[in-house]
Amino acid sequence: MDFFGYHGVSEAEKELAKRYSVDVEIEYDTHRAAQDDKLNENVVNYEQVYREIYEFFRKNKFHLTETVAERLADLLFEQHPMAKRLTVRVRKNHPPFPGFIEWVEVETTRVR
């Protein structure tokens, strides 16, 4: 998933949105969800996860990509109590460094 955010240390990063890519892995017991075959309380709603991340990026500004990843993981883990394990990867695409760097990435995991 890609989002635009105003995260960074430099003034340019705070004023011009940068593209961030986010990967989320949510591990939970899918057995009941598969039995019901319905979008209900037994399943992780992927659209809801997307909307939560979208709102997170829209409402927040941080200096560090590490902070973005940690706070986002906390939010999603809280919002989805069925998750036994949750991993978030946040990539800042084309960071403003000398030379060509495709991205920098931070990964963090939560476990119940």
N, C-alpha and C. Protein backbone atom coordinates (compact mmCIF):
# COMPACT_ATOMS: atom_id res chain seq x y z
N MET A 1 0.85 -1.16 0.00
CA MET A 1 0.00 0.00 0.00
C MET A 1 0.90 1.23 0.00
N ASP A 2 0.52 2.24 -0.75
CA ASP A 2 1.30 3.47 -0.79
C ASP A 2 0.48 4.64 -0.25
N PHE A 3 1.18 5.50 0.48
CA PHE A 3 0.55 6.67 1.09
C PHE A 3 1.52 7.84 0.99
N PHE A 4 1.00 9.03 1.09
CA PHE A 4 1.85 10.22 1.15
C PHE A 4 1.89 10.72 2.58
N GLY A 5 3.08 11.12 3.02
CA GLY A 5 3.24 11.61 4.38
C GLY A 5 4.27 12.72 4.46
N TYR A 6 4.18 13.46 5.54
CA TYR A 6 5.08 14.60 5.80
C TYR A 6 6.02 14.26 6.95
N HIS A 7 6.66 13.12 6.88
CA HIS A 7 7.55 12.66 7.94
C HIS A 7 8.99 12.92 7.53
N GLY A 8 9.78 13.39 8.46
CA GLY A 8 11.19 13.60 8.17
C GLY A 8 11.78 14.68 9.05
N VAL A 9 13.08 14.79 8.99
CA VAL A 9 13.82 15.74 9.81
C VAL A 9 13.98 17.07 9.08
N SER A 10 14.19 17.02 7.77
CA SER A 10 14.46 18.26 7.02
C SER A 10 13.18 19.06 6.79
N GLU A 11 13.34 20.35 6.60
CA GLU A 11 12.19 21.22 6.32
C GLU A 11 11.50 20.81 5.03
N ALA A 12 12.28 20.42 4.03
CA ALA A 12 11.69 20.01 2.75
C ALA A 12 10.76 18.81 2.93
N GLU A 13 11.17 17.85 3.77
CA GLU A 13 10.34 16.67 4.01
C GLU A 13 9.06 17.03 4.75
N LYS A 14 9.13 18.05 5.58
CA LYS A 14 7.96 18.47 6.35
C LYS A 14 6.97 19.25 5.50
N GLU A 15 7.46 19.84 4.39
CA GLU A 15 6.60 20.67 3.55
C GLU A 15 6.10 19.96 2.30
N LEU A 16 6.90 19.04 1.77
CA LEU A 16 6.53 18.31 0.55
C LEU A 16 6.28 16.85 0.90
N ALA A 17 5.10 16.38 0.56
CA ALA A 17 4.76 14.99 0.88
C ALA A 17 5.68 14.02 0.15
N LYS A 18 6.08 12.98 0.85
CA LYS A 18 6.88 11.90 0.28
C LYS A 18 6.01 10.65 0.21
N ARG A 19 6.33 9.79 -0.75
CA ARG A 19 5.59 8.54 -0.88
C ARG A 19 6.20 7.49 0.05
N TYR A 20 5.33 6.86 0.82
CA TYR A 20 5.70 5.78 1.72
C TYR A 20 4.97 4.52 1.28
N SER A 21 5.65 3.40 1.36
CA SER A 21 5.03 2.11 1.10
C SER A 21 4.92 1.37 2.43
N VAL A 22 3.78 0.74 2.64
CA VAL A 22 3.52 0.05 3.90
C VAL A 22 3.08 -1.38 3.61
N ASP A 23 3.73 -2.33 4.27
CA ASP A 23 3.31 -3.73 4.24
C ASP A 23 2.86 -4.09 5.64
N VAL A 24 1.75 -4.80 5.73
CA VAL A 24 1.23 -5.25 7.02
C VAL A 24 0.94 -6.74 6.93
N GLU A 25 1.46 -7.49 7.88
CA GLU A 25 1.13 -8.91 8.01
C GLU A 25 0.40 -9.09 9.33
N ILE A 26 -0.80 -9.64 9.26
CA ILE A 26 -1.59 -9.89 10.46
C ILE A 26 -1.86 -11.39 10.53
N GLU A 27 -1.31 -12.02 11.56
CA GLU A 27 -1.54 -13.45 11.77
C GLU A 27 -2.63 -13.63 12.80
N TYR A 28 -3.64 -14.41 12.44
CA TYR A 28 -4.73 -14.72 13.37
C TYR A 28 -5.33 -16.06 12.96
N ASP A 29 -6.18 -16.61 13.82
CA ASP A 29 -6.80 -17.90 13.54
C ASP A 29 -7.87 -17.70 12.46
N THR A 30 -7.58 -18.18 11.28
CA THR A 30 -8.51 -17.99 10.15
C THR A 30 -9.55 -19.11 10.05
N HIS A 31 -9.47 -20.09 10.93
CA HIS A 31 -10.37 -21.25 10.84
C HIS A 31 -11.84 -20.83 10.90
N ARG A 32 -12.21 -20.03 11.91
CA ARG A 32 -13.62 -19.60 12.05
C ARG A 32 -14.04 -18.72 10.88
N ALA A 33 -13.15 -17.85 10.45
CA ALA A 33 -13.47 -16.98 9.32
C ALA A 33 -13.76 -17.83 8.08
N ALA A 34 -12.95 -18.85 7.86
CA ALA A 34 -13.15 -19.71 6.69
C ALA A 34 -14.44 -20.51 6.80
N GLN A 35 -14.80 -20.93 8.01
CA GLN A 35 -16.05 -21.67 8.20
C GLN A 35 -17.25 -20.79 7.92
N ASP A 36 -17.23 -19.55 8.45
CA ASP A 36 -18.36 -18.63 8.26
C ASP A 36 -18.43 -18.11 6.83
N ASP A 37 -17.27 -17.88 6.23
CA ASP A 37 -17.17 -17.31 4.89
C ASP A 37 -17.97 -16.01 4.77
N LYS A 38 -17.88 -15.19 5.83
CA LYS A 38 -18.57 -13.89 5.85
C LYS A 38 -17.63 -12.86 6.44
N LEU A 39 -17.85 -11.62 6.04
CA LEU A 39 -17.10 -10.51 6.61
C LEU A 39 -17.78 -10.14 7.93
N ASN A 40 -17.23 -10.67 9.04
CA ASN A 40 -17.81 -10.43 10.35
C ASN A 40 -16.69 -10.28 11.38
N GLU A 41 -17.03 -10.42 12.66
CA GLU A 41 -16.05 -10.21 13.73
C GLU A 41 -14.96 -11.28 13.77
N ASN A 42 -15.09 -12.34 12.99
CA ASN A 42 -14.09 -13.41 12.98
C ASN A 42 -13.01 -13.22 11.92
N VAL A 43 -13.07 -12.12 11.21
CA VAL A 43 -12.13 -11.92 10.10
C VAL A 43 -11.53 -10.52 10.17
N VAL A 44 -10.31 -10.38 9.69
CA VAL A 44 -9.70 -9.06 9.58
C VAL A 44 -10.23 -8.43 8.29
N ASN A 45 -10.81 -7.27 8.41
CA ASN A 45 -11.35 -6.54 7.27
C ASN A 45 -10.22 -5.73 6.64
N TYR A 46 -9.75 -6.16 5.48
CA TYR A 46 -8.60 -5.52 4.84
C TYR A 46 -8.88 -4.07 4.47
N GLU A 47 -10.12 -3.80 4.07
CA GLU A 47 -10.47 -2.41 3.74
C GLU A 47 -10.37 -1.53 4.98
N GLN A 48 -10.80 -2.05 6.12
CA GLN A 48 -10.71 -1.30 7.37
C GLN A 48 -9.24 -1.03 7.73
N VAL A 49 -8.38 -2.02 7.55
CA VAL A 49 -6.95 -1.85 7.82
C VAL A 49 -6.40 -0.74 6.93
N TYR A 50 -6.75 -0.78 5.65
CA TYR A 50 -6.29 0.27 4.73
C TYR A 50 -6.75 1.65 5.20
N ARG A 51 -8.01 1.76 5.56
CA ARG A 51 -8.54 3.07 6.01
C ARG A 51 -7.84 3.55 7.28
N GLU A 52 -7.53 2.63 8.19
CA GLU A 52 -6.82 3.02 9.41
C GLU A 52 -5.43 3.56 9.09
N ILE A 53 -4.75 2.92 8.16
CA ILE A 53 -3.42 3.39 7.77
C ILE A 53 -3.52 4.72 7.04
N TYR A 54 -4.49 4.84 6.14
CA TYR A 54 -4.70 6.10 5.41
C TYR A 54 -4.90 7.25 6.39
N GLU A 55 -5.78 7.07 7.37
CA GLU A 55 -6.06 8.12 8.36
C GLU A 55 -4.83 8.42 9.21
N PHE A 56 -4.08 7.39 9.54
CA PHE A 56 -2.85 7.57 10.31
C PHE A 56 -1.89 8.49 9.56
N PHE A 57 -1.69 8.23 8.28
CA PHE A 57 -0.78 9.06 7.49
C PHE A 57 -1.34 10.46 7.29
N ARG A 58 -2.64 10.57 7.15
CA ARG A 58 -3.27 11.88 6.94
C ARG A 58 -3.15 12.77 8.17
N LYS A 59 -3.23 12.19 9.35
CA LYS A 59 -3.33 12.97 10.59
C LYS A 59 -2.00 13.17 11.32
N ASN A 60 -0.96 12.43 10.97
CA ASN A 60 0.26 12.46 11.77
C ASN A 60 1.47 12.96 10.98
N LYS A 61 2.40 13.57 11.72
CA LYS A 61 3.70 13.98 11.18
C LYS A 61 4.75 13.62 12.22
N PHE A 62 5.77 12.88 11.80
CA PHE A 62 6.84 12.47 12.70
C PHE A 62 8.19 12.77 12.06
N HIS A 63 9.22 12.83 12.88
CA HIS A 63 10.57 13.04 12.36
C HIS A 63 11.16 11.76 11.77
N LEU A 64 10.95 10.64 12.46
CA LEU A 64 11.65 9.40 12.10
C LEU A 64 10.72 8.35 11.51
N THR A 65 11.24 7.62 10.53
CA THR A 65 10.50 6.50 9.96
C THR A 65 10.28 5.43 11.03
N GLU A 66 11.22 5.32 11.96
CA GLU A 66 11.06 4.38 13.08
C GLU A 66 9.81 4.71 13.90
N THR A 67 9.58 5.99 14.12
CA THR A 67 8.40 6.41 14.89
C THR A 67 7.13 6.08 14.11
N VAL A 68 7.15 6.31 12.81
CA VAL A 68 5.99 5.99 11.97
C VAL A 68 5.66 4.50 12.11
N ALA A 69 6.65 3.64 11.95
CA ALA A 69 6.43 2.20 12.01
C ALA A 69 5.94 1.75 13.39
N GLU A 70 6.57 2.24 14.44
CA GLU A 70 6.20 1.82 15.80
C GLU A 70 4.79 2.27 16.16
N ARG A 71 4.47 3.51 15.89
CA ARG A 71 3.13 4.03 16.24
C ARG A 71 2.04 3.36 15.40
N LEU A 72 2.34 3.12 14.13
CA LEU A 72 1.36 2.44 13.28
C LEU A 72 1.13 1.02 13.76
N ALA A 73 2.19 0.31 14.13
CA ALA A 73 2.04 -1.05 14.66
C ALA A 73 1.22 -1.04 15.94
N ASP A 74 1.48 -0.08 16.82
CA ASP A 74 0.69 0.02 18.06
C ASP A 74 -0.80 0.21 17.74
N LEU A 75 -1.09 1.12 16.83
CA LEU A 75 -2.48 1.41 16.46
C LEU A 75 -3.17 0.17 15.90
N LEU A 76 -2.55 -0.48 14.94
CA LEU A 76 -3.18 -1.64 14.32
C LEU A 76 -3.33 -2.81 15.29
N PHE A 77 -2.35 -3.01 16.16
CA PHE A 77 -2.43 -4.10 17.13
C PHE A 77 -3.57 -3.84 18.12
N GLU A 78 -3.76 -2.59 18.47
CA GLU A 78 -4.86 -2.23 19.37
C GLU A 78 -6.21 -2.38 18.68
N GLN A 79 -6.29 -1.99 17.43
CA GLN A 79 -7.55 -2.03 16.69
C GLN A 79 -7.98 -3.45 16.30
N HIS A 80 -7.04 -4.39 16.30
CA HIS A 80 -7.34 -5.75 15.85
C HIS A 80 -6.91 -6.76 16.91
N PRO A 81 -7.71 -6.89 17.98
CA PRO A 81 -7.34 -7.76 19.10
C PRO A 81 -7.25 -9.24 18.73
N MET A 82 -7.81 -9.64 17.60
CA MET A 82 -7.71 -11.04 17.19
C MET A 82 -6.31 -11.37 16.65
N ALA A 83 -5.53 -10.33 16.35
CA ALA A 83 -4.18 -10.55 15.81
C ALA A 83 -3.29 -11.18 16.87
N LYS A 84 -2.68 -12.30 16.51
CA LYS A 84 -1.72 -12.94 17.41
C LYS A 84 -0.33 -12.39 17.17
N ARG A 85 -0.08 -12.00 15.95
CA ARG A 85 1.21 -11.43 15.56
C ARG A 85 0.94 -10.43 14.45
N LEU A 86 1.60 -9.29 14.53
CA LEU A 86 1.42 -8.25 13.53
C LEU A 86 2.78 -7.66 13.18
N THR A 87 3.09 -7.61 11.90
CA THR A 87 4.34 -7.02 11.43
C THR A 87 4.02 -5.87 10.49
N VAL A 88 4.70 -4.75 10.71
CA VAL A 88 4.54 -3.56 9.87
C VAL A 88 5.90 -3.21 9.29
N ARG A 89 5.94 -3.00 7.98
CA ARG A 89 7.13 -2.51 7.29
C ARG A 89 6.77 -1.18 6.65
N VAL A 90 7.56 -0.16 6.94
CA VAL A 90 7.36 1.17 6.36
C VAL A 90 8.60 1.54 5.56
N ARG A 91 8.40 1.85 4.29
CA ARG A 91 9.49 2.27 3.41
C ARG A 91 9.29 3.73 3.00
N LYS A 92 10.31 4.52 3.24
CA LYS A 92 10.34 5.88 2.72
C LYS A 92 11.01 5.78 1.35
N ASN A 93 10.27 6.06 0.31
CA ASN A 93 10.78 5.93 -1.06
C ASN A 93 11.57 7.15 -1.47
N HIS A 94 12.72 6.90 -2.07
CA HIS A 94 13.61 7.96 -2.58
C HIS A 94 13.87 9.03 -1.53
N PRO A 95 14.50 8.66 -0.41
CA PRO A 95 14.79 9.65 0.64
C PRO A 95 15.76 10.71 0.11
N PRO A 96 15.72 11.90 0.69
CA PRO A 96 16.54 13.01 0.18
C PRO A 96 18.00 12.92 0.62
N PHE A 97 18.69 11.89 0.18
CA PHE A 97 20.11 11.71 0.48
C PHE A 97 20.92 11.89 -0.80
N PRO A 98 22.19 12.22 -0.67
CA PRO A 98 23.04 12.27 -1.86
C PRO A 98 23.13 10.87 -2.48
N GLY A 99 23.15 10.81 -3.77
CA GLY A 99 23.21 9.52 -4.44
C GLY A 99 21.82 8.95 -4.65
N PHE A 100 21.76 7.79 -5.28
CA PHE A 100 20.46 7.16 -5.55
C PHE A 100 20.20 6.08 -4.52
N ILE A 101 19.21 6.30 -3.70
CA ILE A 101 18.76 5.30 -2.72
C ILE A 101 17.28 5.09 -2.99
N GLU A 102 16.92 3.87 -3.34
CA GLU A 102 15.53 3.59 -3.70
C GLU A 102 14.60 3.75 -2.50
N TRP A 103 15.02 3.25 -1.33
CA TRP A 103 14.20 3.41 -0.13
C TRP A 103 15.01 3.11 1.11
N VAL A 104 14.46 3.55 2.25
CA VAL A 104 14.92 3.09 3.56
C VAL A 104 13.70 2.44 4.20
N GLU A 105 13.94 1.41 5.00
CA GLU A 105 12.82 0.63 5.53
C GLU A 105 13.01 0.34 7.00
N VAL A 106 11.89 0.37 7.72
CA VAL A 106 11.87 -0.01 9.13
C VAL A 106 10.79 -1.08 9.28
N GLU A 107 11.12 -2.14 10.00
CA GLU A 107 10.17 -3.22 10.27
C GLU A 107 10.05 -3.40 11.77
N THR A 108 8.82 -3.61 12.23
CA THR A 108 8.59 -3.86 13.65
C THR A 108 7.46 -4.88 13.78
N THR A 109 7.50 -5.65 14.86
CA THR A 109 6.54 -6.73 15.07
C THR A 109 5.96 -6.66 16.48
N ARG A 110 4.69 -6.99 16.57
CA ARG A 110 4.00 -7.12 17.86
C ARG A 110 3.50 -8.56 17.98
N VAL A 111 3.58 -9.12 19.20
CA VAL A 111 3.13 -10.49 19.45
C VAL A 111 2.30 -10.51 20.73
N ARG A 112 1.18 -11.22 20.70
CA ARG A 112 0.36 -11.41 21.92
C ARG A 112 0.73 -12.73 22.56
